[in-house]
C-alpha cells in the first residue's frame, strides 16, 4: 500500500463521507439497525454516533483499510457500541451462515471490486427475517447526468479508491437475491449531481 492509499486517500474519503448532507442520510438509516450488525465498509466509524445503543448488541466492522481503521479510533472511543473489526475486504466475510440480524451498507457498494461476491456474502450471513439497510450513491435517473457519470467514472475511480459513480444500486441488490422492500431516492443538496444521486432503504432475503 502506497503513501497516498494509506495516508491521503482515507482522509479525503473521511471528509467527503462526513459532509453534512451525507451525515443526514446516515441519520435516516443507521438508527434502524438492531441485534448483531455487520457493517460492510465501516471506514472511519462515521456511523457510530447514529446507532441506537439500546437496540444493537454488537457491530462487526468489516474494513480492509488500515488507514481508515486508524481514523476510526476517536469515534470508537466516544461510542457505547461494542465493535469487533474484521480486517478483510467485502468479498470475504468470516462469519457463520445466518449469524447477523442486520447488514448495514453505507457508501460502500460503489468501491467493492467484486460487488456480486460481496452481496452474496451479506445474504449468506443474514438471518431469516433479518434486514439489509443501505444508503448508497449511484447511477442517476437522468440520461444527461448518467452520460457524465459514464464519462468521468474511469478517472474518478482511479483517484478515489475505486469508487464508481454509475452502479445501479437497487438492481444489484435485487440481483443478489434480496427483495428491496423500501426504497427512496434523491439528489443530495450541495453535492455535484454526477456524484450525488442517493438510494436508501431496506431489503430482505428473497
Protein backbone atom coordinates (compact mmCIF):
# COMPACT_ATOMS: atom_id res chain seq x y z
CA UNK A 1 0.00 0.00 0.00
CA UNK A 2 1.47 3.35 -1.05
CA UNK A 3 1.63 6.63 0.85
CA UNK A 4 -1.41 8.04 -1.00
CA UNK A 5 -3.60 5.00 -0.30
CA UNK A 6 -2.56 4.76 3.34
CA UNK A 7 -2.50 8.39 4.45
CA UNK A 8 -4.04 10.77 1.91
CA UNK A 9 -6.97 8.83 0.46
CA UNK A 10 -8.52 7.80 3.82
CA UNK A 11 -8.62 11.44 4.92
CA UNK A 12 -10.17 12.56 1.65
CA UNK A 13 -12.82 9.85 1.89
CA UNK A 14 -13.48 10.72 5.53
CA UNK A 15 -14.10 14.36 4.61
CA UNK A 16 -16.39 13.55 1.69
CA UNK A 17 -18.34 10.88 3.55
CA UNK A 18 -18.65 13.08 6.62
CA UNK A 19 -20.14 16.10 4.87
CA UNK A 20 -23.41 17.43 6.33
CA UNK A 21 -25.67 16.13 3.51
CA UNK A 22 -24.14 12.66 3.80
CA UNK A 23 -24.43 12.64 7.60
CA UNK A 24 -28.12 13.49 7.23
CA UNK A 25 -28.53 10.42 5.05
CA UNK A 26 -26.73 8.24 7.59
CA UNK A 27 -29.10 9.50 10.28
CA UNK A 28 -32.07 8.19 8.28
CA UNK A 29 -30.76 4.63 8.01
CA UNK A 30 -28.31 3.68 10.77
CA UNK A 31 -30.69 4.02 13.77
CA UNK A 32 -32.80 1.22 12.28
CA UNK A 33 -30.04 -1.34 12.83
CA UNK A 34 -30.64 -3.85 15.61
CA UNK A 35 -29.23 -7.00 17.18
CA UNK A 36 -25.95 -8.26 15.83
CA UNK A 37 -24.86 -5.99 12.98
CA UNK A 38 -22.42 -6.48 10.15
CA UNK A 39 -21.32 -3.08 8.85
CA UNK A 40 -19.61 -3.56 5.49
CA UNK A 41 -17.04 -0.88 4.82
CA UNK A 42 -17.07 0.65 8.30
CA UNK A 43 -14.41 3.15 7.30
CA UNK A 44 -13.63 5.74 9.96
CA UNK A 45 -16.69 4.89 12.06
CA UNK A 46 -18.86 7.76 10.85
CA UNK A 47 -21.99 5.70 11.50
CA UNK A 48 -21.18 5.07 15.18
CA UNK A 49 -22.95 8.18 16.56
CA UNK A 50 -26.15 7.16 14.78
CA UNK A 51 -26.52 3.64 16.17
CA UNK A 52 -29.17 3.12 18.84
CA UNK A 53 -27.10 1.54 21.60
CA UNK A 54 -30.24 0.15 23.25
CA UNK A 55 -31.08 -1.87 20.13
CA UNK A 56 -27.64 -3.04 18.99
CA UNK A 57 -25.87 -5.95 20.66
CA UNK A 58 -22.60 -5.81 18.72
CA UNK A 59 -21.20 -4.48 15.45
CA UNK A 60 -18.80 -6.43 13.28
CA UNK A 61 -16.98 -3.73 11.33
CA UNK A 62 -15.63 -5.03 8.03
CA UNK A 63 -12.88 -2.66 6.90
CA UNK A 64 -9.74 -3.66 4.97
CA UNK A 65 -8.05 -0.23 5.06
CA UNK A 66 -5.60 0.25 7.90
CA UNK A 67 -5.71 3.99 7.35
CA UNK A 68 -9.49 4.07 7.81
CA UNK A 69 -9.30 1.92 10.95
CA UNK A 70 -6.78 4.33 12.42
CA UNK A 71 -9.03 7.30 11.66
CA UNK A 72 -11.88 5.46 13.41
CA UNK A 73 -10.18 5.42 16.82
CA UNK A 74 -11.68 8.71 18.13
CA UNK A 75 -15.17 7.64 17.05
CA UNK A 76 -14.71 4.25 18.71
CA UNK A 77 -13.55 5.88 21.94
CA UNK A 78 -16.70 8.01 22.12
CA UNK A 79 -19.15 5.23 21.24
CA UNK A 80 -21.17 2.96 23.51
CA UNK A 81 -21.32 0.35 20.75
CA UNK A 82 -19.16 -2.77 21.00
CA UNK A 83 -17.22 -3.07 17.74
CA UNK A 84 -15.15 -6.00 16.52
CA UNK A 85 -13.01 -5.23 13.48
CA UNK A 86 -12.88 -7.66 10.58
CA UNK A 87 -9.74 -6.81 8.61
CA UNK A 88 -10.94 -8.18 5.27
CA UNK A 89 -12.50 -6.90 2.04
CA UNK A 90 -16.23 -7.08 1.46
CA UNK A 91 -15.96 -10.23 -0.62
CA UNK A 92 -14.67 -12.12 2.45
CA UNK A 93 -16.95 -12.20 5.49
CA UNK A 94 -15.58 -14.54 8.21
CA UNK A 95 -18.93 -15.08 9.93
CA UNK A 96 -21.21 -18.10 10.14
CA UNK A 97 -24.28 -18.53 7.95
CA UNK A 98 -27.42 -16.86 9.33
CA UNK A 99 -25.45 -15.17 12.11
CA UNK A 100 -26.37 -11.47 11.95
CA UNK A 101 -29.64 -9.59 12.31
CA UNK A 102 -28.73 -6.52 10.28
CA UNK A 103 -26.30 -5.85 7.44
CA UNK A 104 -25.50 -2.16 7.09
CA UNK A 105 -24.16 -0.81 3.81
CA UNK A 106 -23.43 2.93 3.57
CA UNK A 107 -21.43 4.46 0.73
CA UNK A 108 -19.53 1.21 0.24
CA UNK A 109 -21.04 -0.74 -2.64
CA UNK A 110 -19.54 1.73 -5.09
CA UNK A 111 -15.98 0.69 -4.15
CA UNK A 112 -16.14 -3.11 -3.84
CA UNK A 113 -14.49 -4.70 -6.91
CA UNK A 114 -16.46 -7.96 -6.73
CA UNK A 115 -19.74 -6.47 -5.57
CA UNK A 116 -21.66 -9.60 -6.60
CA UNK A 117 -19.49 -11.78 -4.40
CA UNK A 118 -19.77 -9.30 -1.53
CA UNK A 119 -23.57 -9.15 -1.74
CA UNK A 120 -23.70 -12.95 -1.81
CA UNK A 121 -21.69 -12.99 1.42
CA UNK A 122 -24.05 -10.46 3.01
CA UNK A 123 -27.03 -12.61 2.10
CA UNK A 124 -25.29 -15.72 3.44
CA UNK A 125 -24.68 -14.29 6.92
CA UNK A 126 -28.05 -12.56 7.25
CA UNK A 127 -30.56 -14.48 9.36
CA UNK A 128 -34.03 -15.29 8.02
CA UNK A 129 -36.11 -12.23 8.84
CA UNK A 130 -33.01 -10.03 9.00
CA UNK A 131 -32.60 -6.83 7.01
CA UNK A 132 -30.07 -5.24 4.73
CA UNK A 133 -30.09 -1.49 5.37
CA UNK A 134 -28.45 0.56 2.66
CA UNK A 135 -27.61 4.14 1.78
CA UNK A 136 -25.55 4.45 -1.39
CA UNK A 137 -24.85 6.79 -4.27
CA UNK A 138 -25.03 5.53 -7.83
CA UNK A 139 -26.50 5.77 -11.30
CA UNK A 140 -28.71 8.82 -11.74
CA UNK A 141 -32.17 8.61 -13.36
CA UNK A 142 -31.49 11.49 -15.77
CA UNK A 143 -29.84 10.47 -19.03
CA UNK A 144 -27.73 13.63 -19.21
CA UNK A 145 -26.32 13.03 -15.72
CA UNK A 146 -25.68 9.36 -16.46
CA UNK A 147 -23.70 10.30 -19.55
CA UNK A 148 -21.43 12.46 -17.41
CA UNK A 149 -21.15 9.70 -14.83
CA UNK A 150 -20.03 7.26 -17.52
CA UNK A 151 -17.52 9.75 -18.94
CA UNK A 152 -15.99 10.71 -15.61
CA UNK A 153 -16.08 7.29 -13.97
CA UNK A 154 -12.74 5.82 -15.20
CA UNK A 155 -10.68 8.75 -13.91
CA UNK A 156 -12.85 9.21 -10.82
CA UNK A 157 -12.35 5.58 -9.86
CA UNK A 158 -8.57 5.86 -10.23
CA UNK A 159 -8.23 8.79 -7.81
CA UNK A 160 -10.99 7.91 -5.33
CA UNK A 161 -10.05 4.45 -4.15
CA UNK A 162 -12.10 2.52 -6.69
CA UNK A 163 -15.36 4.43 -6.18
CA UNK A 164 -17.78 4.05 -9.10
CA UNK A 165 -20.34 6.72 -9.90
CA UNK A 166 -22.68 4.71 -12.08
CA UNK A 167 -23.68 1.49 -10.34
CA UNK A 168 -27.45 0.79 -10.33
CA UNK A 169 -27.67 0.00 -6.63
CA UNK A 170 -31.25 -1.37 -6.27
CA UNK A 171 -30.76 -3.61 -9.30
CA UNK A 172 -27.52 -5.02 -7.90
CA UNK A 173 -29.13 -5.72 -4.54
CA UNK A 174 -32.13 -7.38 -6.20
CA UNK A 175 -29.93 -9.47 -8.47
CA UNK A 176 -28.10 -10.77 -5.39
CA UNK A 177 -31.25 -12.43 -4.06
CA UNK A 178 -32.74 -9.64 -1.95
CA UNK A 179 -36.23 -8.18 -2.07
CA UNK A 180 -35.91 -4.39 -1.97
CA UNK A 181 -38.99 -3.57 0.08
CA UNK A 182 -38.25 0.06 0.85
CA UNK A 183 -36.53 2.50 -1.48
CA UNK A 184 -36.17 6.27 -1.53
CA UNK A 185 -34.04 8.38 -3.84
CA UNK A 186 -32.90 11.95 -4.35
CA UNK A 187 -30.01 14.16 -5.40
CA UNK A 188 -28.19 15.31 -2.28
CA UNK A 189 -28.29 19.09 -1.89
CA UNK A 190 -24.95 20.85 -2.18
CA UNK A 191 -23.38 17.89 -4.00
CA UNK A 192 -22.44 17.64 -7.69
CA UNK A 193 -25.25 15.81 -9.47
CA UNK A 194 -22.88 13.33 -11.10
CA UNK A 195 -21.82 12.16 -7.61
CA UNK A 196 -24.88 12.99 -5.59
CA UNK A 197 -27.74 10.71 -6.56
CA UNK A 198 -28.63 8.65 -3.47
CA UNK A 199 -30.60 5.48 -2.88
CA UNK A 200 -31.59 4.39 0.62
CA UNK A 201 -33.91 1.84 2.13
CA UNK A 202 -34.02 -1.78 3.23
CA UNK A 203 -34.10 -5.25 1.73
CA UNK A 204 -34.73 -8.77 2.95
CA UNK A 205 -33.54 -12.13 1.61
CA UNK A 206 -35.91 -13.17 -1.19
